[in-house]
C-alpha cells in the first residue's frame, strides 16, 4: 500500500502520539502535533480510516492498526537511516539533519533503503540516540532514564535526547553534552532540581532540570 506524503506524516505522528499504538489519540492531539486545524485533521483521518491504517470513531479518538504501525515504522526507519547518512557521510551536524531527513523519508524504494542500511553497516541508533527499526519493523529498545531522575553519585552514559530541536542540540554542543558521553551526578539542588554533572571525568556542567529532563541516560 502506498500513502501520500501527507498521509505518511499523519501516520507517523499518530504512531508517536499513541506510544507505538498503546493508547488512543484525539483529533486535538494530532492537530497540535501537525500544527493544523481540527477540521483538516478529521478529513485526513477519514482517508486513513478508508485505507484501514487507523480505526477512527468521531469523538472517541483513534487507534493505529497493525498495518498502520508497519507503515509508520517504515517511514521512521527511513528517516533515521537518512539522518545517520547525513551525519556520518556528508558531515551534517546533528542539529541540521531533521528537516532534510523529513524530505528523504518519503522516497519509495525498498531496495534503496536496504542498500543504504548495508552501506551504513546496519546502524541500530540514529545520531540522536533513537532506535532504528529493522526491515521487519522490530525496534531494539534499551533501558533509559531521564538525567533529572538520577541521584547524586549515580553514573551512566548519555544515549539519547528527547528534544531534538535544533536549538536544544546546539545548546548541548555548546556545553559538551554529547551522545556517548560518560556522566556522573555530583550534586542535585533541592530548590529547583538543577544538577551538577561531571562529563567524561574532566568537565563539570551545571544543568537546569528542564535540560536534564530531555537527556536520556543508560545507567551503569
Protein backbone atom coordinates (compact mmCIF):
# COMPACT_ATOMS: atom_id res chain seq x y z
CA UNK A 1 0.00 0.00 0.00
CA UNK A 2 1.29 3.45 -0.91
CA UNK A 3 0.42 6.55 1.08
CA UNK A 4 0.79 10.18 0.10
CA UNK A 5 3.45 12.31 1.79
CA UNK A 6 0.77 13.96 3.95
CA UNK A 7 -0.70 10.60 4.92
CA UNK A 8 2.72 9.27 5.92
CA UNK A 9 3.33 12.35 8.06
CA UNK A 10 -0.01 11.96 9.82
CA UNK A 11 0.51 8.25 10.38
CA UNK A 12 3.98 8.82 11.83
CA UNK A 13 2.59 11.50 14.17
CA UNK A 14 -0.22 9.16 15.27
CA UNK A 15 2.29 6.38 15.94
CA UNK A 16 4.40 8.63 18.16
CA UNK A 17 1.41 10.16 19.97
CA UNK A 18 -0.07 6.71 20.65
CA UNK A 19 3.23 5.48 22.13
CA UNK A 20 3.57 2.86 19.44
CA UNK A 21 -0.13 2.01 19.41
CA UNK A 22 -0.51 1.54 23.17
CA UNK A 23 -3.15 4.25 23.61
CA UNK A 24 -5.82 6.12 21.70
CA UNK A 25 -5.19 9.57 20.24
CA UNK A 26 -7.55 12.53 19.98
CA UNK A 27 -8.12 14.79 17.00
CA UNK A 28 -6.91 17.77 19.05
CA UNK A 29 -3.66 15.96 19.90
CA UNK A 30 -2.98 15.37 16.21
CA UNK A 31 -3.92 18.94 15.25
CA UNK A 32 -1.43 20.26 17.82
CA UNK A 33 1.30 17.90 16.61
CA UNK A 34 0.77 18.61 12.92
CA UNK A 35 0.08 22.31 13.61
CA UNK A 36 -3.17 22.47 11.67
CA UNK A 37 -6.91 22.86 12.29
CA UNK A 38 -9.03 20.07 13.76
CA UNK A 39 -11.32 20.16 10.70
CA UNK A 40 -8.37 19.35 8.41
CA UNK A 41 -7.34 16.52 10.72
CA UNK A 42 -10.83 14.98 10.61
CA UNK A 43 -10.73 14.89 6.81
CA UNK A 44 -7.35 13.17 6.81
CA UNK A 45 -8.43 10.67 9.45
CA UNK A 46 -11.36 9.70 7.26
CA UNK A 47 -8.94 8.93 4.41
CA UNK A 48 -6.63 6.95 6.69
CA UNK A 49 -9.60 5.03 8.03
CA UNK A 50 -10.66 4.10 4.50
CA UNK A 51 -7.15 2.69 3.95
CA UNK A 52 -7.50 0.72 7.19
CA UNK A 53 -4.32 2.07 8.76
CA UNK A 54 -6.29 3.52 11.66
CA UNK A 55 -9.57 2.76 13.38
CA UNK A 56 -11.36 6.05 13.93
CA UNK A 57 -14.63 6.94 15.62
CA UNK A 58 -15.55 10.59 15.86
CA UNK A 59 -15.45 11.92 19.45
CA UNK A 60 -13.83 8.67 20.69
CA UNK A 61 -10.31 9.08 19.36
CA UNK A 62 -8.48 6.55 17.24
CA UNK A 63 -6.16 3.58 17.33
CA UNK A 64 -3.47 2.77 14.82
CA UNK A 65 -3.88 -0.67 13.19
CA UNK A 66 -1.17 -3.29 12.72
CA UNK A 67 -0.90 -2.25 9.08
CA UNK A 68 -0.62 1.36 10.17
CA UNK A 69 2.15 0.52 12.64
CA UNK A 70 4.10 -1.31 9.94
CA UNK A 71 3.87 1.62 7.54
CA UNK A 72 4.70 4.18 10.24
CA UNK A 73 7.77 2.18 11.27
CA UNK A 74 8.93 2.01 7.65
CA UNK A 75 8.82 5.81 7.45
CA UNK A 76 10.59 6.16 10.80
CA UNK A 77 13.23 3.66 9.68
CA UNK A 78 13.94 5.65 6.51
CA UNK A 79 14.08 8.93 8.41
CA UNK A 80 16.60 7.67 10.95
CA UNK A 81 18.79 5.91 8.40
CA UNK A 82 18.97 9.11 6.35
CA UNK A 83 19.96 11.03 9.49
CA UNK A 84 22.85 8.61 10.05
CA UNK A 85 23.92 9.00 6.42
CA UNK A 86 23.79 12.79 6.58
CA UNK A 87 25.88 12.95 9.76
CA UNK A 88 28.37 10.17 9.06
CA UNK A 89 28.89 10.53 5.32
CA UNK A 90 28.02 14.16 4.48
CA UNK A 91 29.28 15.77 7.70
CA UNK A 92 25.99 17.39 8.68
CA UNK A 93 25.73 18.42 12.34
CA UNK A 94 23.09 16.56 14.34
CA UNK A 95 21.01 19.73 14.61
CA UNK A 96 20.90 20.10 10.80
CA UNK A 97 19.55 16.74 9.69
CA UNK A 98 15.90 16.57 10.76
CA UNK A 99 14.33 18.72 8.05
CA UNK A 100 16.40 17.11 5.28
CA UNK A 101 15.51 13.62 6.54
CA UNK A 102 11.84 14.67 6.63
CA UNK A 103 12.05 15.06 2.85
CA UNK A 104 14.13 11.95 2.16
CA UNK A 105 11.94 9.65 4.26
CA UNK A 106 9.20 9.69 1.61
CA UNK A 107 11.30 8.10 -1.14
CA UNK A 108 9.50 4.91 -2.18
CA UNK A 109 12.33 2.45 -2.93
CA UNK A 110 12.75 -0.53 -0.58
CA UNK A 111 15.92 -1.56 -2.44
CA UNK A 112 17.49 1.87 -1.90
CA UNK A 113 16.81 1.66 1.84
CA UNK A 114 18.17 -1.89 2.05
CA UNK A 115 21.38 -0.78 0.36
CA UNK A 116 21.58 2.38 2.46
CA UNK A 117 21.29 0.25 5.60
CA UNK A 118 24.06 -2.08 4.40
CA UNK A 119 26.26 0.84 3.31
CA UNK A 120 25.98 2.30 6.82
CA UNK A 121 26.83 -1.13 8.33
CA UNK A 122 23.34 -1.67 9.76
CA UNK A 123 23.25 1.05 12.45
CA UNK A 124 20.97 0.43 15.43
CA UNK A 125 20.56 4.05 16.55
CA UNK A 126 20.32 7.42 14.83
CA UNK A 127 22.52 10.46 15.71
CA UNK A 128 20.06 11.48 18.45
CA UNK A 129 20.12 8.04 20.07
CA UNK A 130 16.72 6.88 18.81
CA UNK A 131 16.50 3.20 17.80
CA UNK A 132 16.26 2.42 14.08
CA UNK A 133 13.59 -0.18 13.24
CA UNK A 134 14.94 -3.06 11.15
CA UNK A 135 13.38 -4.02 7.81
CA UNK A 136 10.80 -6.15 9.65
CA UNK A 137 9.75 -3.29 11.95
CA UNK A 138 11.49 -4.65 15.03
CA UNK A 139 12.92 -1.98 17.33
CA UNK A 140 15.90 -2.61 19.59
CA UNK A 141 15.00 -0.70 22.72
CA UNK A 142 17.35 -0.19 25.65
CA UNK A 143 16.51 0.87 29.21
CA UNK A 144 16.97 4.60 29.68
CA UNK A 145 16.23 7.13 32.40
CA UNK A 146 15.94 10.89 32.27
CA UNK A 147 19.02 12.57 33.65
CA UNK A 148 16.94 14.64 36.09
CA UNK A 149 15.69 11.38 37.69
CA UNK A 150 19.20 10.25 38.64
CA UNK A 151 20.52 10.66 42.17
CA UNK A 152 23.82 12.04 43.46
CA UNK A 153 26.83 9.78 42.70
CA UNK A 154 24.94 7.76 40.09
CA UNK A 155 26.78 7.29 36.79
CA UNK A 156 25.86 6.45 33.23
CA UNK A 157 26.22 7.28 29.57
CA UNK A 158 24.18 9.75 27.53
CA UNK A 159 22.46 7.65 24.86
CA UNK A 160 19.63 9.83 23.50
CA UNK A 161 17.75 13.10 23.69
CA UNK A 162 14.00 13.64 23.96
CA UNK A 163 14.12 17.11 22.46
CA UNK A 164 15.71 17.00 19.01
CA UNK A 165 15.06 20.64 18.14
CA UNK A 166 17.99 22.45 16.54
CA UNK A 167 18.16 24.97 19.38
CA UNK A 168 18.43 22.27 22.05
CA UNK A 169 21.03 20.28 20.13
CA UNK A 170 23.14 23.38 19.56
CA UNK A 171 22.97 24.06 23.30
CA UNK A 172 24.24 20.55 24.06
CA UNK A 173 27.07 21.03 21.57
CA UNK A 174 27.99 24.29 23.28
CA UNK A 175 28.19 22.76 26.77
CA UNK A 176 29.76 19.48 25.61
CA UNK A 177 26.97 17.06 26.47
CA UNK A 178 27.02 14.64 23.53
CA UNK A 179 25.70 11.16 22.73
CA UNK A 180 28.16 8.68 24.22
CA UNK A 181 29.46 10.98 26.97
CA UNK A 182 30.07 9.34 30.36
CA UNK A 183 28.46 11.30 33.18
CA UNK A 184 28.26 11.33 36.97
CA UNK A 185 25.79 13.32 39.07
CA UNK A 186 27.84 15.34 41.56
CA UNK A 187 25.04 17.36 43.14
CA UNK A 188 21.29 17.88 42.86
CA UNK A 189 19.83 21.16 44.10
CA UNK A 190 16.74 20.62 46.24
CA UNK A 191 15.29 24.06 45.46
CA UNK A 192 14.89 23.75 41.69
CA UNK A 193 16.14 20.27 40.76
CA UNK A 194 19.16 21.60 38.85
CA UNK A 195 22.18 19.33 38.60
CA UNK A 196 25.95 19.47 38.75
CA UNK A 197 27.31 16.91 36.29
CA UNK A 198 30.81 15.55 35.67
CA UNK A 199 31.33 14.72 31.98
CA UNK A 200 34.00 12.22 30.91
CA UNK A 201 35.71 12.58 34.31
CA UNK A 202 37.09 16.00 33.41
CA UNK A 203 34.43 18.66 32.77
CA UNK A 204 31.84 19.95 35.24
CA UNK A 205 28.48 21.23 33.97
CA UNK A 206 25.62 22.94 35.76
CA UNK A 207 22.34 21.95 34.17
CA UNK A 208 18.73 23.01 34.75
CA UNK A 209 16.03 20.45 35.49
CA UNK A 210 14.36 21.23 32.14
CA UNK A 211 17.54 20.48 30.20
CA UNK A 212 18.27 17.35 32.21
CA UNK A 213 14.72 16.04 31.65
CA UNK A 214 15.43 15.98 27.90
CA UNK A 215 18.62 13.93 28.19
CA UNK A 216 18.31 10.12 28.35
CA UNK A 217 20.94 8.05 30.13
CA UNK A 218 21.88 4.38 30.24
CA UNK A 219 22.82 3.88 33.87
CA UNK A 220 25.94 1.98 34.85
